[in-house]
Amino acid sequence: MKLLLDSCTWYGVRNALVAAGYDTVWVGEWESDPGDDEILAIAYRENRILITLDKDFGEMAIVRGSPHAGILRLVNLITTQQSQVCLQVLPQYGEELCAGAIVTAELSRVRIRPADRD
């Protein structure tokens, strides 16, 4: 599973995901932040699930119809909880994410918006 971590996620999430065997790229390591539109476009082109704290990506996908390869939004989590939730959600909901779902995950709650099927 290929992942793209938005720069707003904690760097430790990258380390935890790489250690767990995920192909993970973190925007925070790029020379500059290209902005949300380009981040979502890159994730889509590279077939990477986007992991973010930012609700704007879901709005871009749902309201504007921007293509994506799955979005995992982390909500109300301290930095160390971000890794924990990713490592729980990705194996459990990876199939849905890879199919283009938008998953919103909190410490004790997960909501899934399945991919639109045309």
N, C-alpha and C. Protein backbone atom coordinates (compact mmCIF):
# COMPACT_ATOMS: atom_id res chain seq x y z
N MET A 1 0.85 -1.17 0.00
CA MET A 1 0.00 0.00 0.00
C MET A 1 0.89 1.24 0.00
N LYS A 2 0.57 2.16 -0.89
CA LYS A 2 1.35 3.39 -1.02
C LYS A 2 0.62 4.54 -0.35
N LEU A 3 1.36 5.34 0.41
CA LEU A 3 0.77 6.41 1.20
C LEU A 3 1.49 7.73 0.95
N LEU A 4 0.73 8.83 1.04
CA LEU A 4 1.30 10.17 1.01
C LEU A 4 0.80 10.90 2.25
N LEU A 5 1.72 11.28 3.12
CA LEU A 5 1.37 12.00 4.35
C LEU A 5 1.43 13.49 4.09
N ASP A 6 0.37 14.17 4.38
CA ASP A 6 0.34 15.63 4.30
C ASP A 6 1.33 16.19 5.32
N SER A 7 1.82 17.38 5.07
CA SER A 7 2.81 18.00 5.97
C SER A 7 2.25 18.28 7.35
N CYS A 8 0.94 18.34 7.50
CA CYS A 8 0.35 18.61 8.82
C CYS A 8 0.40 17.40 9.74
N THR A 9 0.68 16.23 9.19
CA THR A 9 0.81 15.05 10.04
C THR A 9 2.18 15.04 10.70
N TRP A 10 2.25 14.41 11.83
CA TRP A 10 3.48 14.32 12.60
C TRP A 10 4.49 13.45 11.87
N TYR A 11 5.76 13.87 11.87
CA TYR A 11 6.83 13.12 11.20
C TYR A 11 6.93 11.70 11.73
N GLY A 12 6.66 11.50 13.00
CA GLY A 12 6.72 10.17 13.59
C GLY A 12 5.76 9.19 12.94
N VAL A 13 4.69 9.67 12.33
CA VAL A 13 3.76 8.80 11.61
C VAL A 13 4.49 8.16 10.44
N ARG A 14 5.27 8.95 9.74
CA ARG A 14 6.06 8.44 8.62
C ARG A 14 6.96 7.31 9.09
N ASN A 15 7.67 7.55 10.16
CA ASN A 15 8.59 6.53 10.69
C ASN A 15 7.86 5.25 11.05
N ALA A 16 6.71 5.37 11.72
CA ALA A 16 5.95 4.20 12.13
C ALA A 16 5.42 3.42 10.93
N LEU A 17 4.95 4.14 9.92
CA LEU A 17 4.40 3.47 8.74
C LEU A 17 5.49 2.79 7.92
N VAL A 18 6.63 3.44 7.78
CA VAL A 18 7.76 2.82 7.07
C VAL A 18 8.21 1.56 7.82
N ALA A 19 8.31 1.65 9.14
CA ALA A 19 8.71 0.50 9.95
C ALA A 19 7.72 -0.66 9.81
N ALA A 20 6.45 -0.33 9.56
CA ALA A 20 5.42 -1.36 9.38
C ALA A 20 5.37 -1.89 7.95
N GLY A 21 6.24 -1.36 7.09
CA GLY A 21 6.33 -1.87 5.72
C GLY A 21 5.55 -1.11 4.67
N TYR A 22 4.99 0.04 5.02
CA TYR A 22 4.24 0.83 4.04
C TYR A 22 5.18 1.72 3.22
N ASP A 23 4.91 1.84 1.93
CA ASP A 23 5.63 2.74 1.03
C ASP A 23 5.08 4.14 1.32
N THR A 24 5.85 4.94 2.06
CA THR A 24 5.33 6.19 2.60
C THR A 24 6.19 7.38 2.21
N VAL A 25 5.53 8.43 1.71
CA VAL A 25 6.18 9.69 1.38
C VAL A 25 5.54 10.75 2.27
N TRP A 26 6.37 11.64 2.85
CA TRP A 26 5.87 12.71 3.71
C TRP A 26 6.13 14.06 3.05
N VAL A 27 5.10 14.84 2.81
CA VAL A 27 5.21 16.15 2.16
C VAL A 27 6.17 17.06 2.92
N GLY A 28 6.27 16.90 4.23
CA GLY A 28 7.16 17.73 5.03
C GLY A 28 8.63 17.60 4.65
N GLU A 29 8.98 16.55 3.91
CA GLU A 29 10.36 16.38 3.46
C GLU A 29 10.63 17.03 2.11
N TRP A 30 9.59 17.50 1.45
CA TRP A 30 9.77 18.14 0.15
C TRP A 30 10.38 19.52 0.32
N GLU A 31 11.02 20.00 -0.71
CA GLU A 31 11.67 21.31 -0.66
C GLU A 31 10.66 22.42 -0.36
N SER A 32 9.47 22.30 -0.95
CA SER A 32 8.41 23.28 -0.66
C SER A 32 7.07 22.58 -0.73
N ASP A 33 6.09 23.14 -0.06
CA ASP A 33 4.73 22.61 -0.05
C ASP A 33 4.02 23.14 -1.30
N PRO A 34 3.60 22.26 -2.21
CA PRO A 34 2.99 22.73 -3.46
C PRO A 34 1.53 23.17 -3.33
N GLY A 35 0.94 23.01 -2.17
CA GLY A 35 -0.46 23.38 -1.97
C GLY A 35 -1.37 22.16 -2.08
N ASP A 36 -2.56 22.31 -1.53
CA ASP A 36 -3.49 21.18 -1.43
C ASP A 36 -3.87 20.58 -2.77
N ASP A 37 -4.17 21.41 -3.76
CA ASP A 37 -4.57 20.89 -5.07
C ASP A 37 -3.49 19.98 -5.65
N GLU A 38 -2.26 20.43 -5.60
CA GLU A 38 -1.16 19.65 -6.17
C GLU A 38 -0.86 18.42 -5.33
N ILE A 39 -0.97 18.52 -4.02
CA ILE A 39 -0.75 17.35 -3.16
C ILE A 39 -1.76 16.25 -3.50
N LEU A 40 -3.02 16.62 -3.64
CA LEU A 40 -4.05 15.63 -3.98
C LEU A 40 -3.80 15.06 -5.37
N ALA A 41 -3.38 15.90 -6.30
CA ALA A 41 -3.09 15.44 -7.67
C ALA A 41 -1.90 14.48 -7.69
N ILE A 42 -0.87 14.77 -6.93
CA ILE A 42 0.30 13.89 -6.85
C ILE A 42 -0.10 12.54 -6.25
N ALA A 43 -0.86 12.58 -5.16
CA ALA A 43 -1.31 11.33 -4.54
C ALA A 43 -2.10 10.49 -5.54
N TYR A 44 -2.94 11.13 -6.32
CA TYR A 44 -3.75 10.42 -7.31
C TYR A 44 -2.86 9.83 -8.41
N ARG A 45 -1.95 10.66 -8.95
CA ARG A 45 -1.06 10.19 -10.03
C ARG A 45 -0.20 9.01 -9.59
N GLU A 46 0.24 9.05 -8.33
CA GLU A 46 1.11 8.00 -7.82
C GLU A 46 0.34 6.87 -7.15
N ASN A 47 -1.00 6.94 -7.22
CA ASN A 47 -1.87 5.94 -6.61
C ASN A 47 -1.55 5.75 -5.12
N ARG A 48 -1.45 6.87 -4.41
CA ARG A 48 -1.15 6.87 -2.98
C ARG A 48 -2.37 7.33 -2.19
N ILE A 49 -2.66 6.66 -1.11
CA ILE A 49 -3.70 7.11 -0.18
C ILE A 49 -3.15 8.33 0.54
N LEU A 50 -3.92 9.39 0.57
CA LEU A 50 -3.51 10.61 1.25
C LEU A 50 -3.94 10.56 2.70
N ILE A 51 -2.99 10.78 3.61
CA ILE A 51 -3.29 10.84 5.04
C ILE A 51 -3.09 12.28 5.49
N THR A 52 -4.10 12.85 6.13
CA THR A 52 -4.08 14.27 6.47
C THR A 52 -4.88 14.54 7.74
N LEU A 53 -4.68 15.73 8.28
CA LEU A 53 -5.52 16.23 9.36
C LEU A 53 -6.52 17.25 8.80
N ASP A 54 -6.35 17.62 7.57
CA ASP A 54 -7.04 18.74 6.93
C ASP A 54 -8.34 18.28 6.26
N LYS A 55 -9.46 18.85 6.65
CA LYS A 55 -10.74 18.47 6.06
C LYS A 55 -10.92 19.01 4.64
N ASP A 56 -10.08 19.93 4.22
CA ASP A 56 -10.21 20.50 2.88
C ASP A 56 -10.09 19.45 1.77
N PHE A 57 -9.29 18.41 1.99
CA PHE A 57 -9.12 17.39 0.96
C PHE A 57 -10.41 16.63 0.70
N GLY A 58 -11.14 16.31 1.74
CA GLY A 58 -12.43 15.65 1.58
C GLY A 58 -13.41 16.54 0.83
N GLU A 59 -13.40 17.82 1.15
CA GLU A 59 -14.27 18.76 0.46
C GLU A 59 -13.89 18.87 -1.01
N MET A 60 -12.57 18.88 -1.28
CA MET A 60 -12.12 18.92 -2.67
C MET A 60 -12.62 17.70 -3.44
N ALA A 61 -12.54 16.55 -2.81
CA ALA A 61 -12.96 15.31 -3.46
C ALA A 61 -14.48 15.24 -3.62
N ILE A 62 -15.21 15.61 -2.59
CA ILE A 62 -16.67 15.46 -2.61
C ILE A 62 -17.35 16.60 -3.36
N VAL A 63 -17.04 17.83 -3.01
CA VAL A 63 -17.73 18.98 -3.60
C VAL A 63 -17.23 19.29 -5.01
N ARG A 64 -15.91 19.32 -5.16
CA ARG A 64 -15.33 19.67 -6.47
C ARG A 64 -15.11 18.48 -7.37
N GLY A 65 -15.21 17.29 -6.82
CA GLY A 65 -15.02 16.09 -7.64
C GLY A 65 -13.59 15.82 -8.02
N SER A 66 -12.63 16.36 -7.25
CA SER A 66 -11.22 16.12 -7.54
C SER A 66 -10.91 14.64 -7.40
N PRO A 67 -10.22 14.07 -8.39
CA PRO A 67 -9.89 12.65 -8.30
C PRO A 67 -8.89 12.38 -7.18
N HIS A 68 -9.01 11.21 -6.58
CA HIS A 68 -8.10 10.83 -5.50
C HIS A 68 -8.01 9.31 -5.44
N ALA A 69 -7.00 8.83 -4.73
CA ALA A 69 -6.77 7.39 -4.60
C ALA A 69 -7.09 6.92 -3.19
N GLY A 70 -7.99 7.63 -2.52
CA GLY A 70 -8.34 7.33 -1.13
C GLY A 70 -7.78 8.38 -0.20
N ILE A 71 -8.57 8.75 0.80
CA ILE A 71 -8.15 9.78 1.76
C ILE A 71 -8.45 9.26 3.16
N LEU A 72 -7.45 9.36 4.02
CA LEU A 72 -7.62 9.05 5.44
C LEU A 72 -7.41 10.34 6.21
N ARG A 73 -8.48 10.82 6.84
CA ARG A 73 -8.39 12.05 7.64
C ARG A 73 -8.37 11.68 9.11
N LEU A 74 -7.36 12.16 9.80
CA LEU A 74 -7.21 11.93 11.23
C LEU A 74 -7.80 13.11 11.98
N VAL A 75 -8.63 12.85 12.99
CA VAL A 75 -9.36 13.90 13.69
C VAL A 75 -9.15 13.79 15.20
N ASN A 76 -8.89 14.94 15.82
CA ASN A 76 -8.80 15.04 17.29
C ASN A 76 -7.77 14.09 17.90
N LEU A 77 -6.61 14.01 17.29
CA LEU A 77 -5.56 13.12 17.78
C LEU A 77 -4.30 13.91 18.13
N ILE A 78 -3.69 13.56 19.25
CA ILE A 78 -2.38 14.14 19.55
C ILE A 78 -1.36 13.43 18.66
N THR A 79 -0.17 13.96 18.58
CA THR A 79 0.81 13.44 17.63
C THR A 79 1.03 11.94 17.74
N THR A 80 1.25 11.44 18.94
CA THR A 80 1.54 10.02 19.09
C THR A 80 0.33 9.14 18.75
N GLN A 81 -0.86 9.64 18.89
CA GLN A 81 -2.05 8.88 18.54
C GLN A 81 -2.22 8.76 17.03
N GLN A 82 -1.66 9.69 16.27
CA GLN A 82 -1.77 9.64 14.82
C GLN A 82 -1.20 8.33 14.28
N SER A 83 -0.02 7.94 14.76
CA SER A 83 0.60 6.68 14.33
C SER A 83 -0.27 5.49 14.72
N GLN A 84 -0.71 5.49 15.95
CA GLN A 84 -1.52 4.39 16.47
C GLN A 84 -2.78 4.19 15.63
N VAL A 85 -3.47 5.27 15.33
CA VAL A 85 -4.71 5.16 14.56
C VAL A 85 -4.42 4.71 13.13
N CYS A 86 -3.38 5.24 12.51
CA CYS A 86 -3.03 4.81 11.15
C CYS A 86 -2.74 3.32 11.11
N LEU A 87 -1.99 2.84 12.08
CA LEU A 87 -1.61 1.42 12.11
C LEU A 87 -2.81 0.51 12.41
N GLN A 88 -3.87 1.06 12.97
CA GLN A 88 -5.10 0.29 13.17
C GLN A 88 -6.02 0.38 11.96
N VAL A 89 -6.15 1.57 11.41
CA VAL A 89 -7.12 1.81 10.33
C VAL A 89 -6.65 1.22 9.00
N LEU A 90 -5.39 1.39 8.66
CA LEU A 90 -4.92 0.95 7.34
C LEU A 90 -5.13 -0.55 7.10
N PRO A 91 -4.77 -1.43 8.02
CA PRO A 91 -5.04 -2.85 7.75
C PRO A 91 -6.54 -3.17 7.72
N GLN A 92 -7.29 -2.49 8.56
CA GLN A 92 -8.71 -2.80 8.68
C GLN A 92 -9.54 -2.24 7.52
N TYR A 93 -9.19 -1.04 7.05
CA TYR A 93 -9.98 -0.38 6.01
C TYR A 93 -9.17 -0.10 4.74
N GLY A 94 -8.04 -0.75 4.61
CA GLY A 94 -7.17 -0.53 3.45
C GLY A 94 -7.84 -0.84 2.12
N GLU A 95 -8.63 -1.88 2.09
CA GLU A 95 -9.32 -2.25 0.85
C GLU A 95 -10.26 -1.13 0.40
N GLU A 96 -11.02 -0.59 1.35
CA GLU A 96 -11.93 0.51 1.04
C GLU A 96 -11.16 1.75 0.59
N LEU A 97 -10.08 2.06 1.29
CA LEU A 97 -9.26 3.22 0.93
C LEU A 97 -8.69 3.05 -0.48
N CYS A 98 -8.14 1.87 -0.76
CA CYS A 98 -7.58 1.62 -2.09
C CYS A 98 -8.63 1.72 -3.18
N ALA A 99 -9.88 1.49 -2.83
CA ALA A 99 -10.98 1.60 -3.79
C ALA A 99 -11.47 3.05 -3.92
N GLY A 100 -10.86 3.99 -3.16
CA GLY A 100 -11.22 5.40 -3.29
C GLY A 100 -12.12 5.94 -2.20
N ALA A 101 -12.25 5.24 -1.09
CA ALA A 101 -13.08 5.74 0.02
C ALA A 101 -12.40 6.90 0.72
N ILE A 102 -13.21 7.66 1.42
CA ILE A 102 -12.71 8.70 2.32
C ILE A 102 -13.04 8.21 3.72
N VAL A 103 -12.00 8.00 4.53
CA VAL A 103 -12.16 7.48 5.87
C VAL A 103 -11.77 8.57 6.86
N THR A 104 -12.64 8.83 7.81
CA THR A 104 -12.37 9.78 8.88
C THR A 104 -12.20 8.97 10.16
N ALA A 105 -11.03 9.13 10.79
CA ALA A 105 -10.72 8.29 11.95
C ALA A 105 -10.37 9.13 13.17
N GLU A 106 -11.03 8.79 14.26
CA GLU A 106 -10.71 9.33 15.57
C GLU A 106 -10.20 8.16 16.40
N LEU A 107 -9.88 8.41 17.65
CA LEU A 107 -9.33 7.35 18.49
C LEU A 107 -10.31 6.19 18.66
N SER A 108 -11.59 6.48 18.81
CA SER A 108 -12.56 5.40 19.05
C SER A 108 -13.71 5.40 18.05
N ARG A 109 -13.52 6.03 16.90
CA ARG A 109 -14.60 6.09 15.92
C ARG A 109 -14.03 6.20 14.51
N VAL A 110 -14.64 5.47 13.59
CA VAL A 110 -14.23 5.53 12.19
C VAL A 110 -15.49 5.70 11.34
N ARG A 111 -15.44 6.65 10.42
CA ARG A 111 -16.55 6.86 9.47
C ARG A 111 -16.00 6.63 8.06
N ILE A 112 -16.78 5.97 7.24
CA ILE A 112 -16.34 5.66 5.88
C ILE A 112 -17.32 6.21 4.88
N ARG A 113 -16.81 6.94 3.93
CA ARG A 113 -17.61 7.37 2.78
C ARG A 113 -17.06 6.58 1.59
N PRO A 114 -17.81 5.58 1.12
CA PRO A 114 -17.32 4.76 0.02
C PRO A 114 -17.07 5.58 -1.24
N ALA A 115 -16.25 5.06 -2.10
CA ALA A 115 -15.99 5.71 -3.37
C ALA A 115 -17.28 5.81 -4.17
N ASP A 116 -17.45 6.92 -4.88
CA ASP A 116 -18.60 7.07 -5.76
C ASP A 116 -18.43 6.12 -6.95
N ARG A 117 -19.46 5.43 -7.26
CA ARG A 117 -19.46 4.53 -8.42
C ARG A 117 -20.35 5.13 -9.49
N ASP A 118 -19.73 5.48 -10.62
CA ASP A 118 -20.51 6.06 -11.71
C ASP A 118 -21.11 5.00 -12.59
